[in-house]
Amino acid sequence: MHNDYDDRLSCDHLRAERSINDAKLADLVKERKNDNNNNVGIALMDPLFLDLSGSERTEADALTKRNAVLDGLIGQKCPATAAAAP
């Protein structure tokens, strides 16, 4: 999911958006996690493994796809040493 303004975003903006998306995914996981705490780790890698409702699954899928785009942009635009920074 590429946005028209992506080429104008700085490395800091790209990383911030990625971080926000990760927080949203974690919220979805927290809402649906089972008694088994291992599901949280699995879901953070691929939230589509969770038993999410239709709208939650759609949101998780969109966030995951957007994060893939952001990761690509970070890899292209940002120096390797800066990309590793939190």
C-alpha atoms as a PDB file:
ATOM      1  CA  MET A   1       0.000   0.000   0.000  1.00  0.00           C
ATOM      2  CA  HIS A   2       2.006   2.935  -1.351  1.00  0.00           C
ATOM      3  CA  ASN A   3       0.866   6.516  -0.714  1.00  0.00           C
ATOM      4  CA  ASP A   4       1.477   9.446  -3.045  1.00  0.00           C
ATOM      5  CA  TYR A   5       3.450  11.322  -0.385  1.00  0.00           C
ATOM      6  CA  ASP A   6       5.791   8.440   0.534  1.00  0.00           C
ATOM      7  CA  ASP A   7       8.668   9.797  -1.561  1.00  0.00           C
ATOM      8  CA  ARG A   8       8.636  13.015   0.478  1.00  0.00           C
ATOM      9  CA  LEU A   9       8.810  11.345   3.893  1.00  0.00           C
ATOM     10  CA  SER A  10      12.032  11.483   5.854  1.00  0.00           C
ATOM     11  CA  CYS A  11      13.598   8.459   7.507  1.00  0.00           C
ATOM     12  CA  ASP A  12      12.261   9.680  10.853  1.00  0.00           C
ATOM     13  CA  HIS A  13       8.740   9.954   9.418  1.00  0.00           C
ATOM     14  CA  LEU A  14       8.944   6.480   7.910  1.00  0.00           C
ATOM     15  CA  ARG A  15      10.155   4.954  11.169  1.00  0.00           C
ATOM     16  CA  ALA A  16       7.513   6.824  13.175  1.00  0.00           C
ATOM     17  CA  GLU A  17       4.715   5.557  10.943  1.00  0.00           C
ATOM     18  CA  ARG A  18       6.117   2.014  11.243  1.00  0.00           C
ATOM     19  CA  SER A  19       6.168   2.364  15.016  1.00  0.00           C
ATOM     20  CA  ILE A  20       2.566   3.611  15.099  1.00  0.00           C
ATOM     21  CA  ASN A  21       1.465   0.698  12.919  1.00  0.00           C
ATOM     22  CA  ASP A  22       3.246  -1.744  15.220  1.00  0.00           C
ATOM     23  CA  ALA A  23       1.410  -0.224  18.199  1.00  0.00           C
ATOM     24  CA  LYS A  24      -1.921  -0.611  16.398  1.00  0.00           C
ATOM     25  CA  LEU A  25      -1.133  -4.248  15.617  1.00  0.00           C
ATOM     26  CA  ALA A  26      -0.186  -4.823  19.260  1.00  0.00           C
ATOM     27  CA  ASP A  27      -3.529  -3.332  20.327  1.00  0.00           C
ATOM     28  CA  LEU A  28      -5.365  -5.732  18.026  1.00  0.00           C
ATOM     29  CA  VAL A  29      -3.380  -8.602  19.494  1.00  0.00           C
ATOM     30  CA  LYS A  30      -4.066  -7.462  23.052  1.00  0.00           C
ATOM     31  CA  GLU A  31      -7.798  -7.341  22.343  1.00  0.00           C
ATOM     32  CA  ARG A  32      -7.858 -10.888  20.987  1.00  0.00           C
ATOM     33  CA  LYS A  33      -5.073 -12.769  22.713  1.00  0.00           C
ATOM     34  CA  ASN A  34      -5.912 -16.136  24.216  1.00  0.00           C
ATOM     35  CA  ASP A  35      -4.931 -17.448  27.611  1.00  0.00           C
ATOM     36  CA  ASN A  36      -1.770 -18.719  25.954  1.00  0.00           C
ATOM     37  CA  ASN A  37       0.726 -15.841  26.085  1.00  0.00           C
ATOM     38  CA  ASN A  38       2.709 -17.381  23.217  1.00  0.00           C
ATOM     39  CA  ASN A  39       0.018 -16.184  20.816  1.00  0.00           C
ATOM     40  CA  VAL A  40       1.183 -12.604  21.345  1.00  0.00           C
ATOM     41  CA  GLY A  41       4.643 -13.356  19.946  1.00  0.00           C
ATOM     42  CA  ILE A  42       3.212 -15.222  16.991  1.00  0.00           C
ATOM     43  CA  ALA A  43       0.710 -12.467  16.299  1.00  0.00           C
ATOM     44  CA  LEU A  44       3.341  -9.751  16.314  1.00  0.00           C
ATOM     45  CA  MET A  45       5.136 -11.631  13.558  1.00  0.00           C
ATOM     46  CA  ASP A  46       1.933 -12.269  11.629  1.00  0.00           C
ATOM     47  CA  PRO A  47      -1.294 -10.955  13.163  1.00  0.00           C
ATOM     48  CA  LEU A  48      -3.329 -12.903  10.629  1.00  0.00           C
ATOM     49  CA  PHE A  49      -2.732 -16.052  12.713  1.00  0.00           C
ATOM     50  CA  LEU A  50      -5.134 -14.701  15.324  1.00  0.00           C
ATOM     51  CA  ASP A  51      -8.858 -15.339  15.302  1.00  0.00           C
ATOM     52  CA  LEU A  52      -9.800 -11.766  14.419  1.00  0.00           C
ATOM     53  CA  SER A  53     -13.174 -10.438  13.375  1.00  0.00           C
ATOM     54  CA  GLY A  54     -13.592  -9.418   9.736  1.00  0.00           C
ATOM     55  CA  SER A  55     -12.882  -5.742  10.360  1.00  0.00           C
ATOM     56  CA  GLU A  56      -9.950  -6.505  12.659  1.00  0.00           C
ATOM     57  CA  ARG A  57      -8.500  -8.906  10.089  1.00  0.00           C
ATOM     58  CA  THR A  58      -8.872  -6.254   7.368  1.00  0.00           C
ATOM     59  CA  GLU A  59      -7.122  -3.675   9.562  1.00  0.00           C
ATOM     60  CA  ALA A  60      -4.313  -6.070  10.500  1.00  0.00           C
ATOM     61  CA  ASP A  61      -3.821  -7.010   6.851  1.00  0.00           C
ATOM     62  CA  ALA A  62      -3.658  -3.348   5.790  1.00  0.00           C
ATOM     63  CA  LEU A  63      -1.190  -2.504   8.568  1.00  0.00           C
ATOM     64  CA  THR A  64       0.989  -5.493   7.698  1.00  0.00           C
ATOM     65  CA  LYS A  65       1.030  -4.553   3.994  1.00  0.00           C
ATOM     66  CA  ARG A  66       1.798  -0.917   4.799  1.00  0.00           C
ATOM     67  CA  ASN A  67       4.638  -1.981   7.084  1.00  0.00           C
ATOM     68  CA  ALA A  68       6.125  -4.011   4.233  1.00  0.00           C
ATOM     69  CA  VAL A  69       6.081  -0.885   2.050  1.00  0.00           C
ATOM     70  CA  LEU A  70       7.594   1.189   4.855  1.00  0.00           C
ATOM     71  CA  ASP A  71      10.332  -1.389   5.388  1.00  0.00           C
ATOM     72  CA  GLY A  72      11.188  -1.201   1.687  1.00  0.00           C
ATOM     73  CA  LEU A  73      11.297   2.592   1.751  1.00  0.00           C
ATOM     74  CA  ILE A  74      13.428   2.599   4.897  1.00  0.00           C
ATOM     75  CA  GLY A  75      15.809   0.165   3.234  1.00  0.00           C
ATOM     76  CA  GLN A  76      16.063   2.360   0.134  1.00  0.00           C
ATOM     77  CA  LYS A  77      16.189   5.815   1.689  1.00  0.00           C
ATOM     78  CA  CYS A  78      17.814   5.402   5.061  1.00  0.00           C
ATOM     79  CA  PRO A  79      21.445   4.617   5.840  1.00  0.00           C
ATOM     80  CA  ALA A  80      21.919   1.132   7.264  1.00  0.00           C
ATOM     81  CA  THR A  81      23.267   2.449  10.560  1.00  0.00           C
ATOM     82  CA  ALA A  82      20.277   4.751  10.986  1.00  0.00           C
ATOM     83  CA  ALA A  83      17.812   2.016   9.999  1.00  0.00           C
ATOM     84  CA  ALA A  84      18.971  -0.092  12.927  1.00  0.00           C
ATOM     85  CA  ALA A  85      18.303   2.719  15.403  1.00  0.00           C
ATOM     86  CA  PRO A  86      15.132   2.384  17.523  1.00  0.00           C
END
